[in-house]
């Protein structure tokens, strides 16, 4: 269970929550939330677990949630004339502690950390991301996995380097490059080259 403190204003096509706070005795989620006709914005997003900062960030996504509500796909709901801005930082997080704080039980375990900074138009995204996972396991499956993933976005091309280690196995490594076209050019992106090298 969570307590909720919400304070917002409504106008046609726009809902702005100047306060959006969910909390229980172990977790606290804060932020400013705007749901507009053509975009979704989360500002000063913050997640604390047992009084420790775990997540901070800002998200601006030009998406019309009303289109999804009327049966359109997520891609159709994106506004190709606007730009995305995604800046998120996840401090090293004990997943067992996080799971217990959010759900009341331990559904997973391990250590997780990540950094993302992505911006620009949907057909020419720029930015980078890093994800680190250590000894991850889910409930009823104790096989542990660790992974490191580095991603770079340049003019709509994503370059990813990943290493995955399953317990008791040799490491798997992957280098891949692929176009990402989510806006007006998304159909043309299927004609561009994709490369991948996997070693296992």
Protein backbone atom coordinates (compact mmCIF):
# COMPACT_ATOMS: atom_id res chain seq x y z
CA UNK A 1 0.00 0.00 0.00
CA UNK A 2 1.00 3.59 -0.75
CA UNK A 3 -0.26 6.92 0.50
CA UNK A 4 -0.82 9.49 -2.27
CA UNK A 5 -0.64 13.28 -2.13
CA UNK A 6 -1.74 14.86 -5.41
CA UNK A 7 -2.23 18.55 -6.14
CA UNK A 8 -3.06 19.45 -9.72
CA UNK A 9 -4.86 21.71 -12.14
CA UNK A 10 -6.95 20.78 -15.14
CA UNK A 11 -7.68 22.60 -18.37
CA UNK A 12 -8.94 21.13 -21.66
CA UNK A 13 -6.11 18.99 -23.07
CA UNK A 14 -3.80 19.50 -20.09
CA UNK A 15 -3.42 18.13 -16.56
CA UNK A 16 -0.56 19.46 -14.43
CA UNK A 17 0.29 17.93 -11.06
CA UNK A 18 2.40 20.44 -9.13
CA UNK A 19 2.66 17.73 -6.51
CA UNK A 20 2.64 13.98 -7.17
CA UNK A 21 3.89 12.10 -4.12
CA UNK A 22 3.49 8.39 -3.41
CA UNK A 23 4.95 6.97 -0.21
CA UNK A 24 4.93 4.12 2.26
CA UNK A 25 7.21 3.36 5.21
CA UNK A 26 10.01 2.18 2.90
CA UNK A 27 9.68 4.07 -0.41
CA UNK A 28 8.94 7.60 -1.62
CA UNK A 29 8.24 8.71 -5.21
CA UNK A 30 8.07 12.43 -6.04
CA UNK A 31 7.81 14.53 -9.17
CA UNK A 32 5.97 17.10 -11.24
CA UNK A 33 3.72 15.50 -13.86
CA UNK A 34 2.19 17.08 -16.95
CA UNK A 35 -0.18 15.15 -19.21
CA UNK A 36 -0.88 17.29 -22.26
CA UNK A 37 -2.61 16.66 -25.57
CA UNK A 38 0.63 15.85 -27.38
CA UNK A 39 3.21 15.17 -24.70
CA UNK A 40 3.97 13.61 -21.32
CA UNK A 41 6.47 15.29 -19.00
CA UNK A 42 7.97 14.16 -15.70
CA UNK A 43 10.15 16.74 -13.95
CA UNK A 44 12.33 16.28 -10.87
CA UNK A 45 11.42 12.60 -10.72
CA UNK A 46 12.83 11.10 -7.52
CA UNK A 47 12.64 7.66 -5.96
CA UNK A 48 14.02 7.08 -2.47
CA UNK A 49 14.16 3.66 -0.79
CA UNK A 50 14.67 3.55 2.96
CA UNK A 51 15.78 7.20 2.86
CA UNK A 52 18.43 6.50 0.21
CA UNK A 53 18.24 8.26 -3.19
CA UNK A 54 17.91 5.60 -5.89
CA UNK A 55 16.56 7.36 -8.98
CA UNK A 56 16.62 10.94 -10.27
CA UNK A 57 15.65 12.29 -13.65
CA UNK A 58 13.55 14.26 -16.11
CA UNK A 59 11.53 12.89 -19.01
CA UNK A 60 9.84 14.70 -21.90
CA UNK A 61 8.09 12.37 -24.33
CA UNK A 62 5.96 13.79 -27.18
CA UNK A 63 3.24 11.18 -27.08
CA UNK A 64 -0.54 11.50 -27.26
CA UNK A 65 -1.89 9.12 -24.63
CA UNK A 66 -5.41 9.69 -25.94
CA UNK A 67 -4.45 7.98 -29.22
CA UNK A 68 -3.31 4.87 -27.33
CA UNK A 69 -6.55 4.97 -25.37
CA UNK A 70 -8.40 4.89 -28.71
CA UNK A 71 -6.55 1.81 -29.93
CA UNK A 72 -3.62 3.38 -31.80
CA UNK A 73 -0.12 1.94 -31.45
CA UNK A 74 2.57 3.64 -29.37
CA UNK A 75 4.50 4.58 -32.54
CA UNK A 76 1.38 6.18 -34.05
CA UNK A 77 0.90 8.16 -30.84
CA UNK A 78 4.37 9.77 -31.07
CA UNK A 79 4.56 13.31 -32.46
CA UNK A 80 7.41 13.29 -35.04
CA UNK A 81 7.57 17.10 -35.09
CA UNK A 82 8.68 17.31 -31.45
CA UNK A 83 11.87 16.18 -29.72
CA UNK A 84 12.39 13.71 -26.93
CA UNK A 85 14.43 14.54 -23.81
CA UNK A 86 15.25 11.65 -21.48
CA UNK A 87 17.71 12.12 -18.62
CA UNK A 88 17.72 9.42 -15.95
CA UNK A 89 20.17 8.27 -13.28
CA UNK A 90 19.78 5.13 -11.17
CA UNK A 91 22.20 4.79 -8.28
CA UNK A 92 23.49 1.29 -7.39
CA UNK A 93 20.28 -0.31 -6.17
CA UNK A 94 19.73 -3.47 -4.15
CA UNK A 95 16.89 -5.06 -6.13
CA UNK A 96 15.74 -7.21 -3.20
CA UNK A 97 15.38 -4.08 -1.05
CA UNK A 98 13.61 -2.23 -3.89
CA UNK A 99 11.25 -5.12 -4.53
CA UNK A 100 10.36 -5.41 -0.85
CA UNK A 101 9.75 -1.65 -0.58
CA UNK A 102 7.48 -1.48 -3.64
CA UNK A 103 5.62 -4.80 -3.46
CA UNK A 104 6.05 -6.09 0.08
CA UNK A 105 7.92 -9.23 -1.03
CA UNK A 106 11.26 -10.14 -2.58
CA UNK A 107 10.48 -10.94 -6.22
CA UNK A 108 14.05 -10.38 -7.46
CA UNK A 109 17.57 -9.86 -6.19
CA UNK A 110 20.86 -8.44 -7.39
CA UNK A 111 22.42 -5.02 -7.89
CA UNK A 112 21.37 -2.59 -10.65
CA UNK A 113 22.68 0.81 -11.78
CA UNK A 114 22.10 2.87 -14.92
CA UNK A 115 22.60 6.25 -16.59
CA UNK A 116 20.72 7.52 -19.65
CA UNK A 117 20.81 10.80 -21.57
CA UNK A 118 18.85 10.73 -24.83
CA UNK A 119 17.56 13.72 -26.79
CA UNK A 120 16.63 14.95 -30.26
CA UNK A 121 14.13 14.11 -32.97
CA UNK A 122 12.79 10.59 -33.31
CA UNK A 123 14.63 10.03 -36.59
CA UNK A 124 17.96 11.48 -35.37
CA UNK A 125 18.27 10.58 -31.70
CA UNK A 126 21.48 11.50 -29.87
CA UNK A 127 22.82 10.45 -26.50
CA UNK A 128 24.19 7.57 -24.50
CA UNK A 129 23.28 4.99 -21.90
CA UNK A 130 24.98 2.62 -19.48
CA UNK A 131 23.43 -0.28 -17.60
CA UNK A 132 25.11 -2.51 -15.02
CA UNK A 133 23.58 -5.61 -13.47
CA UNK A 134 25.17 -7.90 -10.91
CA UNK A 135 23.95 -11.32 -9.72
CA UNK A 136 20.39 -10.75 -10.90
CA UNK A 137 17.84 -13.47 -10.14
CA UNK A 138 14.07 -13.64 -9.99
CA UNK A 139 11.80 -15.47 -7.60
CA UNK A 140 11.77 -19.26 -8.12
CA UNK A 141 14.75 -19.06 -10.52
CA UNK A 142 18.05 -18.77 -8.72
CA UNK A 143 20.26 -18.86 -11.85
CA UNK A 144 22.15 -15.58 -11.55
CA UNK A 145 23.18 -13.30 -14.40
CA UNK A 146 25.42 -10.23 -14.59
CA UNK A 147 25.58 -7.78 -17.49
CA UNK A 148 27.17 -4.56 -18.66
CA UNK A 149 25.63 -2.64 -21.57
CA UNK A 150 26.94 0.55 -23.17
CA UNK A 151 24.88 2.33 -25.80
CA UNK A 152 25.65 5.35 -27.99
CA UNK A 153 23.15 7.13 -30.21
CA UNK A 154 24.46 9.23 -33.09
CA UNK A 155 22.13 10.77 -35.69
CA UNK A 156 19.60 8.00 -35.23
CA UNK A 157 22.06 5.10 -35.21
CA UNK A 158 22.45 3.05 -32.06
CA UNK A 159 25.78 1.38 -31.28
CA UNK A 160 25.69 -1.11 -28.43
CA UNK A 161 28.36 -3.11 -26.64
CA UNK A 162 27.15 -5.70 -24.19
CA UNK A 163 28.63 -8.41 -22.02
CA UNK A 164 26.48 -11.00 -20.26
CA UNK A 165 27.64 -13.59 -17.73
CA UNK A 166 25.34 -16.44 -16.66
CA UNK A 167 26.39 -18.27 -13.53
CA UNK A 168 28.44 -21.32 -14.43
CA UNK A 169 28.91 -20.26 -18.08
CA UNK A 170 31.49 -18.38 -20.09
CA UNK A 171 30.73 -14.77 -20.90
CA UNK A 172 28.66 -13.72 -23.92
CA UNK A 173 29.68 -10.52 -25.70
CA UNK A 174 27.90 -8.57 -28.41
CA UNK A 175 28.65 -5.53 -30.57
CA UNK A 176 25.74 -4.23 -32.63
CA UNK A 177 24.82 -1.24 -34.77
CA UNK A 178 21.34 -0.47 -36.06
CA UNK A 179 19.25 2.48 -37.23
CA UNK A 180 16.42 3.75 -35.03
CA UNK A 181 13.70 5.58 -36.92
CA UNK A 182 10.63 6.27 -34.79
CA UNK A 183 9.30 9.36 -36.57
CA UNK A 184 8.44 10.18 -40.17
CA UNK A 185 11.27 8.01 -41.53
CA UNK A 186 10.53 4.87 -39.54
CA UNK A 187 9.52 2.83 -42.62
CA UNK A 188 12.71 3.83 -44.43
CA UNK A 189 14.85 2.65 -41.51
CA UNK A 190 14.12 -0.99 -42.36
CA UNK A 191 16.23 -0.59 -45.53
CA UNK A 192 19.35 0.51 -43.64
CA UNK A 193 22.15 -1.86 -42.66
CA UNK A 194 22.25 -3.66 -39.33
CA UNK A 195 25.47 -5.23 -38.07
CA UNK A 196 26.03 -7.51 -35.09
CA UNK A 197 28.89 -9.61 -33.77
CA UNK A 198 28.16 -12.10 -31.01
CA UNK A 199 30.74 -14.22 -29.21
CA UNK A 200 29.65 -17.05 -26.91
